[in-house]
Amino acid sequence: MSNEDVILSLQGLSKNYGSKNVLNGIDLTVYRGQIIGYIGPNGAGKSTTIKIILGLEGDYSGKVEIFGETLTEDNYHYKRKIGYVPEIAELYDNLTAREYLTFIGELYGMDLQAADEKAWKLMRVFGLEAVYNSRIASFSKGMRQKVLIISSLLHNPDLLFLDEPLSGLDANSVMVFKEILAILAAEGKTVFYSSHIMDVVEKISNRIILINDGKIVADGSFQELKAQNTEGSLEQIFNQLTGFNEYKTIAEEFVSIVQEE
């Protein structure tokens, strides 16, 4: 791929919290149209990486280039081309879906009426048009997640960061969302997908990056990772590369305690 296709470049990215090294020299180049499965154990540095790229974390060393520009504190215009679904999001419960989505649209520079019309259409596609003017406080977890997904895509971003985006969605909605990601990628959008649900990451990603102890320990398609490792599924490769081999022992001990008389 050419340099024009580079959407994101991380060079020697490191970050400490006190004496703890969270990121230890991440080098990564992401290209237009890729669906990146960004995976790793809790505390590996996944969320920290994403927060740095989003401008939510500072005080790091290394270089971050996004859309061809070096990331600096006063460079925030790139954010209009980014969508983000955080793992834990605080929605404004006292707002209606309409109020929340048009507010988000305007934050991204959209015209109020255009944001309103587009948000209603997207709610309708998700089968939520009847609650467009209802308060978010009355929504189920799945409905809230759909509103979050709509808010991340409302402004038609070029780069999408998704942290456990399927949380609370039913099986049909998961199928729809996976197809949405495939269509977006085919049209040149880039997706950064972080999740602990390995079978989904395995199916949707055309490139998987495994981070452990703040370093990239694997980078390639699922087929490439499978060829390089002795294990079969992505979950098994994950356990092999992160050194987590105790899951069977832990599970057996747990069940034996449960079954104690």
C-alpha atoms as a PDB file:
ATOM      1  CA  MET A   1       0.000   0.000   0.000  1.00  0.00           C
ATOM      2  CA  SER A   2       1.140   3.578  -0.673  1.00  0.00           C
ATOM      3  CA  ASN A   3       1.840   6.272   1.891  1.00  0.00           C
ATOM      4  CA  GLU A   4      -1.404   7.953   0.784  1.00  0.00           C
ATOM      5  CA  ASP A   5      -3.255   4.961   2.216  1.00  0.00           C
ATOM      6  CA  VAL A   6      -1.684   5.357   5.681  1.00  0.00           C
ATOM      7  CA  ILE A   7      -4.399   6.481   8.090  1.00  0.00           C
ATOM      8  CA  LEU A   8      -2.505   6.085  11.345  1.00  0.00           C
ATOM      9  CA  SER A   9       1.150   5.711  12.301  1.00  0.00           C
ATOM     10  CA  LEU A  10       2.536   5.033  15.790  1.00  0.00           C
ATOM     11  CA  GLN A  11       6.313   5.216  16.237  1.00  0.00           C
ATOM     12  CA  GLY A  12       7.945   4.201  19.495  1.00  0.00           C
ATOM     13  CA  LEU A  13       4.777   4.961  21.458  1.00  0.00           C
ATOM     14  CA  SER A  14       5.427   4.611  25.199  1.00  0.00           C
ATOM     15  CA  LYS A  15       3.429   5.628  28.249  1.00  0.00           C
ATOM     16  CA  ASN A  16       4.053   5.329  31.987  1.00  0.00           C
ATOM     17  CA  TYR A  17       1.719   5.701  34.934  1.00  0.00           C
ATOM     18  CA  GLY A  18       4.195   6.451  37.680  1.00  0.00           C
ATOM     19  CA  SER A  19       6.643   3.541  37.760  1.00  0.00           C
ATOM     20  CA  LYS A  20       4.375   1.283  35.682  1.00  0.00           C
ATOM     21  CA  ASN A  21       5.166   1.006  31.961  1.00  0.00           C
ATOM     22  CA  VAL A  22       1.827   0.619  30.182  1.00  0.00           C
ATOM     23  CA  LEU A  23       3.108   0.996  26.608  1.00  0.00           C
ATOM     24  CA  ASN A  24       6.645  -0.056  25.725  1.00  0.00           C
ATOM     25  CA  GLY A  25       7.475   1.212  22.251  1.00  0.00           C
ATOM     26  CA  ILE A  26       4.491   0.469  20.012  1.00  0.00           C
ATOM     27  CA  ASP A  27       5.285   0.690  16.279  1.00  0.00           C
ATOM     28  CA  LEU A  28       2.200   0.394  14.110  1.00  0.00           C
ATOM     29  CA  THR A  29       1.059   1.533  10.648  1.00  0.00           C
ATOM     30  CA  VAL A  30      -2.649   1.280   9.841  1.00  0.00           C
ATOM     31  CA  TYR A  31      -3.965   1.529   6.278  1.00  0.00           C
ATOM     32  CA  ARG A  32      -7.214   2.702   4.728  1.00  0.00           C
ATOM     33  CA  GLY A  33      -9.924   0.033   4.614  1.00  0.00           C
ATOM     34  CA  GLN A  34      -8.456  -2.256   7.265  1.00  0.00           C
ATOM     35  CA  ILE A  35     -10.495  -3.767  10.085  1.00  0.00           C
ATOM     36  CA  ILE A  36      -7.948  -4.058  12.874  1.00  0.00           C
ATOM     37  CA  GLY A  37      -8.703  -6.487  15.674  1.00  0.00           C
ATOM     38  CA  TYR A  38      -6.800  -4.912  18.578  1.00  0.00           C
ATOM     39  CA  ILE A  39      -6.685  -7.488  21.356  1.00  0.00           C
ATOM     40  CA  GLY A  40      -4.825  -8.284  24.556  1.00  0.00           C
ATOM     41  CA  PRO A  41      -5.338  -9.132  28.242  1.00  0.00           C
ATOM     42  CA  ASN A  42      -6.718  -6.557  30.682  1.00  0.00           C
ATOM     43  CA  GLY A  43      -4.014  -4.024  31.459  1.00  0.00           C
ATOM     44  CA  ALA A  44      -2.055  -4.783  28.275  1.00  0.00           C
ATOM     45  CA  GLY A  45      -2.359  -1.173  27.047  1.00  0.00           C
ATOM     46  CA  LYS A  46      -5.211  -1.381  24.508  1.00  0.00           C
ATOM     47  CA  SER A  47      -7.392   1.382  25.958  1.00  0.00           C
ATOM     48  CA  THR A  48      -4.357   3.571  26.651  1.00  0.00           C
ATOM     49  CA  THR A  49      -3.317   3.333  22.980  1.00  0.00           C
ATOM     50  CA  ILE A  50      -6.790   4.359  21.819  1.00  0.00           C
ATOM     51  CA  LYS A  51      -7.060   7.215  24.333  1.00  0.00           C
ATOM     52  CA  ILE A  52      -3.714   8.648  23.179  1.00  0.00           C
ATOM     53  CA  ILE A  53      -4.845   8.562  19.537  1.00  0.00           C
ATOM     54  CA  LEU A  54      -8.132  10.227  20.507  1.00  0.00           C
ATOM     55  CA  GLY A  55      -6.274  12.969  22.368  1.00  0.00           C
ATOM     56  CA  LEU A  56      -7.734  11.872  25.723  1.00  0.00           C
ATOM     57  CA  GLU A  57      -4.329  10.912  27.178  1.00  0.00           C
ATOM     58  CA  GLY A  58      -1.164  13.011  27.094  1.00  0.00           C
ATOM     59  CA  ASP A  59       2.312  12.788  28.595  1.00  0.00           C
ATOM     60  CA  TYR A  60       3.550   9.999  26.310  1.00  0.00           C
ATOM     61  CA  SER A  61       6.744   9.533  24.345  1.00  0.00           C
ATOM     62  CA  GLY A  62       7.010   8.596  20.689  1.00  0.00           C
ATOM     63  CA  LYS A  63       5.212   9.937  17.652  1.00  0.00           C
ATOM     64  CA  VAL A  64       1.587   9.681  16.554  1.00  0.00           C
ATOM     65  CA  GLU A  65       0.554  10.645  13.017  1.00  0.00           C
ATOM     66  CA  ILE A  66      -3.097  10.565  12.033  1.00  0.00           C
ATOM     67  CA  PHE A  67      -4.417  11.412   8.562  1.00  0.00           C
ATOM     68  CA  GLY A  68      -0.868  12.450   7.688  1.00  0.00           C
ATOM     69  CA  GLU A  69      -0.557  15.019  10.489  1.00  0.00           C
ATOM     70  CA  THR A  70       1.472  14.780  13.689  1.00  0.00           C
ATOM     71  CA  LEU A  71      -0.753  14.664  16.746  1.00  0.00           C
ATOM     72  CA  THR A  72      -0.320  17.742  18.940  1.00  0.00           C
ATOM     73  CA  GLU A  73      -2.354  19.297  21.751  1.00  0.00           C
ATOM     74  CA  ASP A  74      -3.656  22.117  19.545  1.00  0.00           C
ATOM     75  CA  ASN A  75      -4.479  19.863  16.590  1.00  0.00           C
ATOM     76  CA  TYR A  76      -8.027  18.690  17.191  1.00  0.00           C
ATOM     77  CA  HIS A  77      -9.567  19.099  13.717  1.00  0.00           C
ATOM     78  CA  TYR A  78      -8.826  15.448  12.906  1.00  0.00           C
ATOM     79  CA  LYS A  79     -11.406  14.418  15.516  1.00  0.00           C
ATOM     80  CA  ARG A  80     -14.223  15.325  13.133  1.00  0.00           C
ATOM     81  CA  LYS A  81     -13.127  12.366  11.005  1.00  0.00           C
ATOM     82  CA  ILE A  82     -13.176   9.907  13.926  1.00  0.00           C
ATOM     83  CA  GLY A  83     -15.996   7.896  15.488  1.00  0.00           C
ATOM     84  CA  TYR A  84     -15.716   6.255  18.909  1.00  0.00           C
ATOM     85  CA  VAL A  85     -17.720   3.704  20.877  1.00  0.00           C
ATOM     86  CA  PRO A  86     -16.127   3.413  24.350  1.00  0.00           C
ATOM     87  CA  GLU A  87     -16.451   0.263  26.427  1.00  0.00           C
ATOM     88  CA  ILE A  88     -18.213   2.160  29.197  1.00  0.00           C
ATOM     89  CA  ALA A  89     -20.148   5.220  28.079  1.00  0.00           C
ATOM     90  CA  GLU A  90     -22.126   7.619  30.201  1.00  0.00           C
ATOM     91  CA  LEU A  91     -25.184   8.565  28.165  1.00  0.00           C
ATOM     92  CA  TYR A  92     -27.223  11.524  29.337  1.00  0.00           C
ATOM     93  CA  ASP A  93     -30.227   9.700  30.772  1.00  0.00           C
ATOM     94  CA  ASN A  94     -32.383  12.810  31.054  1.00  0.00           C
ATOM     95  CA  LEU A  95     -32.046  13.539  27.321  1.00  0.00           C
ATOM     96  CA  THR A  96     -34.144  11.938  24.620  1.00  0.00           C
ATOM     97  CA  ALA A  97     -32.387   9.977  21.898  1.00  0.00           C
ATOM     98  CA  ARG A  98     -33.156  12.860  19.543  1.00  0.00           C
ATOM     99  CA  GLU A  99     -31.615  15.442  21.869  1.00  0.00           C
ATOM    100  CA  TYR A 100     -28.517  13.322  22.476  1.00  0.00           C
ATOM    101  CA  LEU A 101     -27.862  12.432  18.835  1.00  0.00           C
ATOM    102  CA  THR A 102     -28.411  15.958  17.494  1.00  0.00           C
ATOM    103  CA  PHE A 103     -26.129  17.271  20.261  1.00  0.00           C
ATOM    104  CA  ILE A 104     -23.406  14.814  19.183  1.00  0.00           C
ATOM    105  CA  GLY A 105     -23.977  15.698  15.524  1.00  0.00           C
ATOM    106  CA  GLU A 106     -23.512  19.404  16.240  1.00  0.00           C
ATOM    107  CA  LEU A 107     -20.332  18.652  18.225  1.00  0.00           C
ATOM    108  CA  TYR A 108     -18.953  17.104  15.041  1.00  0.00           C
ATOM    109  CA  GLY A 109     -19.918  20.204  13.043  1.00  0.00           C
ATOM    110  CA  MET A 110     -23.153  18.958  11.508  1.00  0.00           C
ATOM    111  CA  ASP A 111     -26.123  21.197  10.836  1.00  0.00           C
ATOM    112  CA  LEU A 112     -28.876  20.614  13.422  1.00  0.00           C
ATOM    113  CA  GLN A 113     -31.594  19.747  10.907  1.00  0.00           C
ATOM    114  CA  ALA A 114     -29.294  17.461   8.910  1.00  0.00           C
ATOM    115  CA  ALA A 115     -28.231  15.671  12.105  1.00  0.00           C
ATOM    116  CA  ASP A 116     -31.876  15.308  13.174  1.00  0.00           C
ATOM    117  CA  GLU A 117     -32.997  13.814   9.859  1.00  0.00           C
ATOM    118  CA  LYS A 118     -30.049  11.441   9.626  1.00  0.00           C
ATOM    119  CA  ALA A 119     -30.347  10.328  13.267  1.00  0.00           C
ATOM    120  CA  TRP A 120     -34.058   9.522  12.834  1.00  0.00           C
ATOM    121  CA  LYS A 121     -33.334   7.481   9.680  1.00  0.00           C
ATOM    122  CA  LEU A 122     -30.611   5.490  11.469  1.00  0.00           C
ATOM    123  CA  MET A 123     -32.872   4.906  14.482  1.00  0.00           C
ATOM    124  CA  ARG A 124     -35.562   3.656  12.060  1.00  0.00           C
ATOM    125  CA  VAL A 125     -33.147   1.167  10.451  1.00  0.00           C
ATOM    126  CA  PHE A 126     -32.404  -0.193  13.939  1.00  0.00           C
ATOM    127  CA  GLY A 127     -36.154  -0.420  14.672  1.00  0.00           C
ATOM    128  CA  LEU A 128     -36.031   2.380  17.255  1.00  0.00           C
ATOM    129  CA  GLU A 129     -37.994   5.155  15.531  1.00  0.00           C
ATOM    130  CA  ALA A 130     -40.838   4.834  18.069  1.00  0.00           C
ATOM    131  CA  VAL A 131     -38.507   5.842  20.936  1.00  0.00           C
ATOM    132  CA  TYR A 132     -36.650   8.630  19.112  1.00  0.00           C
ATOM    133  CA  ASN A 133     -38.305  11.200  21.392  1.00  0.00           C
ATOM    134  CA  SER A 134     -38.134   9.046  24.544  1.00  0.00           C
ATOM    135  CA  ARG A 135     -35.669   9.617  27.369  1.00  0.00           C
ATOM    136  CA  ILE A 136     -32.593   7.404  27.294  1.00  0.00           C
ATOM    137  CA  ALA A 137     -33.279   6.522  30.949  1.00  0.00           C
ATOM    138  CA  SER A 138     -36.077   4.229  29.724  1.00  0.00           C
ATOM    139  CA  PHE A 139     -33.843   2.348  27.245  1.00  0.00           C
ATOM    140  CA  SER A 140     -32.552  -1.213  27.650  1.00  0.00           C
ATOM    141  CA  LYS A 141     -28.823  -1.930  27.446  1.00  0.00           C
ATOM    142  CA  GLY A 142     -29.144  -3.039  23.824  1.00  0.00           C
ATOM    143  CA  MET A 143     -31.083   0.105  22.861  1.00  0.00           C
ATOM    144  CA  ARG A 144     -28.447   2.286  24.521  1.00  0.00           C
ATOM    145  CA  GLN A 145     -25.720   0.452  22.613  1.00  0.00           C
ATOM    146  CA  LYS A 146     -27.504   1.094  19.319  1.00  0.00           C
ATOM    147  CA  VAL A 147     -27.745   4.816  20.162  1.00  0.00           C
ATOM    148  CA  LEU A 148     -23.999   4.796  20.917  1.00  0.00           C
ATOM    149  CA  ILE A 149     -23.249   3.107  17.593  1.00  0.00           C
ATOM    150  CA  ILE A 150     -25.413   5.633  15.735  1.00  0.00           C
ATOM    151  CA  SER A 151     -23.662   8.523  17.521  1.00  0.00           C
ATOM    152  CA  SER A 152     -20.257   7.187  16.436  1.00  0.00           C
ATOM    153  CA  LEU A 153     -21.259   6.971  12.752  1.00  0.00           C
ATOM    154  CA  LEU A 154     -23.661   9.915  12.405  1.00  0.00           C
ATOM    155  CA  HIS A 155     -20.995  12.244  10.943  1.00  0.00           C
ATOM    156  CA  ASN A 156     -19.667   9.612   8.484  1.00  0.00           C
ATOM    157  CA  PRO A 157     -16.153   9.285   9.987  1.00  0.00           C
ATOM    158  CA  ASP A 158     -13.133   7.873   8.135  1.00  0.00           C
ATOM    159  CA  LEU A 159     -11.694   6.132  11.203  1.00  0.00           C
ATOM    160  CA  LEU A 160     -13.781   4.250  13.742  1.00  0.00           C
ATOM    161  CA  PHE A 161     -12.661   3.095  17.199  1.00  0.00           C
ATOM    162  CA  LEU A 162     -14.872   0.417  18.742  1.00  0.00           C
ATOM    163  CA  ASP A 163     -14.308  -0.890  22.266  1.00  0.00           C
ATOM    164  CA  GLU A 164     -16.589  -3.894  22.982  1.00  0.00           C
ATOM    165  CA  PRO A 165     -19.267  -2.483  20.620  1.00  0.00           C
ATOM    166  CA  LEU A 166     -21.508  -5.583  20.692  1.00  0.00           C
ATOM    167  CA  SER A 167     -22.219  -5.336  24.419  1.00  0.00           C
ATOM    168  CA  GLY A 168     -25.928  -5.900  25.016  1.00  0.00           C
ATOM    169  CA  LEU A 169     -26.861  -6.484  21.363  1.00  0.00           C
ATOM    170  CA  ASP A 170     -29.072  -9.421  20.377  1.00  0.00           C
ATOM    171  CA  ALA A 171     -27.888 -11.990  17.813  1.00  0.00           C
ATOM    172  CA  ASN A 172     -29.688 -10.367  14.863  1.00  0.00           C
ATOM    173  CA  SER A 173     -28.258  -6.933  15.669  1.00  0.00           C
ATOM    174  CA  VAL A 174     -24.767  -8.442  15.936  1.00  0.00           C
ATOM    175  CA  MET A 175     -25.139  -9.867  12.410  1.00  0.00           C
ATOM    176  CA  VAL A 176     -26.304  -6.490  11.077  1.00  0.00           C
ATOM    177  CA  PHE A 177     -23.466  -4.623  12.771  1.00  0.00           C
ATOM    178  CA  LYS A 178     -20.792  -7.030  11.504  1.00  0.00           C
ATOM    179  CA  GLU A 179     -22.139  -6.507   7.972  1.00  0.00           C
ATOM    180  CA  ILE A 180     -22.104  -2.716   8.471  1.00  0.00           C
ATOM    181  CA  LEU A 181     -18.392  -2.910   9.372  1.00  0.00           C
ATOM    182  CA  ALA A 182     -17.627  -5.036   6.304  1.00  0.00           C
ATOM    183  CA  ILE A 183     -19.399  -2.541   3.997  1.00  0.00           C
ATOM    184  CA  LEU A 184     -17.663   0.448   5.616  1.00  0.00           C
ATOM    185  CA  ALA A 185     -14.239  -1.200   5.220  1.00  0.00           C
ATOM    186  CA  ALA A 186     -14.973  -2.043   1.567  1.00  0.00           C
ATOM    187  CA  GLU A 187     -15.738   1.652   1.027  1.00  0.00           C
ATOM    188  CA  GLY A 188     -12.369   2.699   2.456  1.00  0.00           C
ATOM    189  CA  LYS A 189     -13.252   3.349   6.091  1.00  0.00           C
ATOM    190  CA  THR A 190     -10.798   2.093   8.704  1.00  0.00           C
ATOM    191  CA  VAL A 191     -11.960   0.278  11.844  1.00  0.00           C
ATOM    192  CA  PHE A 192     -10.031  -0.263  15.085  1.00  0.00           C
ATOM    193  CA  TYR A 193     -11.915  -3.034  16.902  1.00  0.00           C
ATOM    194  CA  SER A 194     -11.052  -3.920  20.490  1.00  0.00           C
ATOM    195  CA  SER A 195     -12.807  -6.830  22.167  1.00  0.00           C
ATOM    196  CA  HIS A 196     -12.381  -9.876  24.394  1.00  0.00           C
ATOM    197  CA  ILE A 197     -14.829 -11.882  22.253  1.00  0.00           C
ATOM    198  CA  MET A 198     -12.246 -13.731  20.200  1.00  0.00           C
ATOM    199  CA  ASP A 199     -14.528 -15.537  17.765  1.00  0.00           C
ATOM    200  CA  VAL A 200     -16.003 -12.195  16.598  1.00  0.00           C
ATOM    201  CA  VAL A 201     -12.534 -10.619  16.233  1.00  0.00           C
ATOM    202  CA  GLU A 202     -11.429 -13.707  14.302  1.00  0.00           C
ATOM    203  CA  LYS A 203     -14.351 -13.424  11.869  1.00  0.00           C
ATOM    204  CA  ILE A 204     -14.507  -9.672  11.182  1.00  0.00           C
ATOM    205  CA  SER A 205     -10.837  -8.575  11.219  1.00  0.00           C
ATOM    206  CA  ASN A 206      -8.585  -8.655   8.171  1.00  0.00           C
ATOM    207  CA  ARG A 207      -5.636  -7.837  10.445  1.00  0.00           C
ATOM    208  CA  ILE A 208      -5.210  -8.835  14.089  1.00  0.00           C
ATOM    209  CA  ILE A 209      -2.803  -7.124  16.477  1.00  0.00           C
ATOM    210  CA  LEU A 210      -2.148  -8.772  19.830  1.00  0.00           C
ATOM    211  CA  ILE A 211      -0.650  -6.570  22.528  1.00  0.00           C
ATOM    212  CA  ASN A 212       0.801  -7.952  25.762  1.00  0.00           C
ATOM    213  CA  ASP A 213       2.718  -6.079  28.474  1.00  0.00           C
ATOM    214  CA  GLY A 214       2.628  -2.918  26.366  1.00  0.00           C
ATOM    215  CA  LYS A 215       4.234  -4.537  23.305  1.00  0.00           C
ATOM    216  CA  ILE A 216       2.919  -5.958  20.043  1.00  0.00           C
ATOM    217  CA  VAL A 217       3.493  -9.719  20.153  1.00  0.00           C
ATOM    218  CA  ALA A 218       1.564 -10.681  17.004  1.00  0.00           C
ATOM    219  CA  ASP A 219       0.463  -8.819  13.860  1.00  0.00           C
ATOM    220  CA  GLY A 220      -1.182 -10.380  10.817  1.00  0.00           C
ATOM    221  CA  SER A 221      -4.339 -11.909   9.399  1.00  0.00           C
ATOM    222  CA  PHE A 222      -5.930 -14.767  11.311  1.00  0.00           C
ATOM    223  CA  GLN A 223      -4.605 -17.215   8.719  1.00  0.00           C
ATOM    224  CA  GLU A 224      -1.082 -15.807   9.122  1.00  0.00           C
ATOM    225  CA  LEU A 225      -1.245 -16.032  12.917  1.00  0.00           C
ATOM    226  CA  LYS A 226      -2.607 -19.556  12.654  1.00  0.00           C
ATOM    227  CA  ALA A 227       0.302 -20.563  10.381  1.00  0.00           C
ATOM    228  CA  GLN A 228       2.849 -19.118  12.832  1.00  0.00           C
ATOM    229  CA  ASN A 229       1.449 -20.809  15.945  1.00  0.00           C
ATOM    230  CA  THR A 230       0.669 -24.368  16.928  1.00  0.00           C
ATOM    231  CA  GLU A 231      -2.817 -23.596  18.250  1.00  0.00           C
ATOM    232  CA  GLY A 232      -5.977 -23.408  16.131  1.00  0.00           C
ATOM    233  CA  SER A 233      -8.542 -20.822  17.198  1.00  0.00           C
ATOM    234  CA  LEU A 234      -7.738 -17.173  17.912  1.00  0.00           C
ATOM    235  CA  GLU A 235      -8.629 -17.772  21.557  1.00  0.00           C
ATOM    236  CA  GLN A 236      -6.059 -20.580  21.740  1.00  0.00           C
ATOM    237  CA  ILE A 237      -3.416 -18.469  19.945  1.00  0.00           C
ATOM    238  CA  PHE A 238      -4.193 -15.627  22.364  1.00  0.00           C
ATOM    239  CA  ASN A 239      -3.647 -17.901  25.364  1.00  0.00           C
ATOM    240  CA  GLN A 240      -0.462 -19.315  23.878  1.00  0.00           C
ATOM    241  CA  LEU A 241       1.112 -15.906  23.147  1.00  0.00           C
ATOM    242  CA  THR A 242       0.068 -14.290  26.431  1.00  0.00           C
ATOM    243  CA  GLY A 243       1.161 -17.300  28.484  1.00  0.00           C
ATOM    244  CA  PHE A 244      -2.267 -17.920  29.992  1.00  0.00           C
ATOM    245  CA  ASN A 245      -2.355 -21.688  30.335  1.00  0.00           C
ATOM    246  CA  GLU A 246      -4.086 -22.015  33.685  1.00  0.00           C
ATOM    247  CA  TYR A 247      -7.679 -21.532  32.531  1.00  0.00           C
ATOM    248  CA  LYS A 248      -8.568 -25.247  32.718  1.00  0.00           C
ATOM    249  CA  THR A 249      -7.027 -25.624  36.183  1.00  0.00           C
ATOM    250  CA  ILE A 250      -8.816 -22.508  37.458  1.00  0.00           C
ATOM    251  CA  ALA A 251     -12.141 -23.662  35.966  1.00  0.00           C
ATOM    252  CA  GLU A 252     -11.795 -27.138  37.463  1.00  0.00           C
ATOM    253  CA  GLU A 253     -10.967 -25.716  40.890  1.00  0.00           C
ATOM    254  CA  PHE A 254     -13.925 -23.324  40.710  1.00  0.00           C
ATOM    255  CA  VAL A 255     -16.382 -26.088  39.790  1.00  0.00           C
ATOM    256  CA  SER A 256     -14.995 -28.432  42.476  1.00  0.00           C
ATOM    257  CA  ILE A 257     -15.649 -25.752  45.131  1.00  0.00           C
ATOM    258  CA  VAL A 258     -19.164 -25.161  43.757  1.00  0.00           C
ATOM    259  CA  GLN A 259     -19.873 -28.881  44.071  1.00  0.00           C
ATOM    260  CA  GLU A 260     -18.557 -29.242  47.617  1.00  0.00           C
ATOM    261  CA  GLU A 261     -21.117 -30.741  49.999  1.00  0.00           C
END
